């Protein structure tokens, strides 16, 4: 029973962290993808 409560607590913390940091890093992932495309000669430019 204690393990189930501990697992539920950890799952809640992980979900909250992903929800919080996911919104703030979304733009960073987009910029990284754009930079990689430009570096491999996809013909585009980053804004």
Protein backbone atom coordinates (compact mmCIF):
# COMPACT_ATOMS: atom_id res chain seq x y z
CA UNK A 1 0.00 0.00 0.00
CA UNK A 2 2.80 2.42 0.84
CA UNK A 3 4.52 1.76 -2.46
CA UNK A 4 1.36 2.67 -4.36
CA UNK A 5 1.14 5.99 -2.53
CA UNK A 6 4.80 6.71 -3.16
CA UNK A 7 4.42 5.85 -6.84
CA UNK A 8 1.37 8.12 -7.13
CA UNK A 9 3.27 10.97 -5.48
CA UNK A 10 6.25 10.57 -7.81
CA UNK A 11 3.98 10.38 -10.86
CA UNK A 12 2.22 13.58 -9.80
CA UNK A 13 5.51 15.41 -9.33
CA UNK A 14 6.85 14.26 -12.70
CA UNK A 15 3.62 15.21 -14.48
CA UNK A 16 3.65 18.65 -12.86
CA UNK A 17 7.29 19.24 -13.78
CA UNK A 18 6.72 18.25 -17.41
CA UNK A 19 3.65 20.47 -17.62
CA UNK A 20 5.51 23.42 -16.09
CA UNK A 21 8.77 23.15 -18.02
CA UNK A 22 7.13 21.98 -21.23
CA UNK A 23 5.47 25.35 -21.80
CA UNK A 24 8.63 27.35 -21.18
CA UNK A 25 10.96 25.28 -23.38
CA UNK A 26 8.70 24.89 -26.42
CA UNK A 27 10.28 27.82 -28.23
CA UNK A 28 13.78 26.57 -27.51
CA UNK A 29 13.09 23.24 -29.18
CA UNK A 30 11.74 25.02 -32.24
CA UNK A 31 14.84 27.19 -32.49
CA UNK A 32 17.07 24.14 -32.16
CA UNK A 33 15.22 22.34 -34.95
CA UNK A 34 15.53 25.37 -37.20
CA UNK A 35 19.25 25.69 -36.50
CA UNK A 36 19.82 22.04 -37.34
CA UNK A 37 17.94 22.40 -40.64
CA UNK A 38 20.04 25.43 -41.61
CA UNK A 39 23.27 23.70 -40.61
CA UNK A 40 22.49 20.75 -42.88
CA UNK A 41 21.77 23.01 -45.85
CA UNK A 42 17.98 22.81 -45.97
CA UNK A 43 17.95 26.24 -47.60
CA UNK A 44 16.01 28.02 -44.87
CA UNK A 45 16.83 30.72 -42.39
CA UNK A 46 15.94 31.03 -38.71
CA UNK A 47 14.00 33.98 -37.32
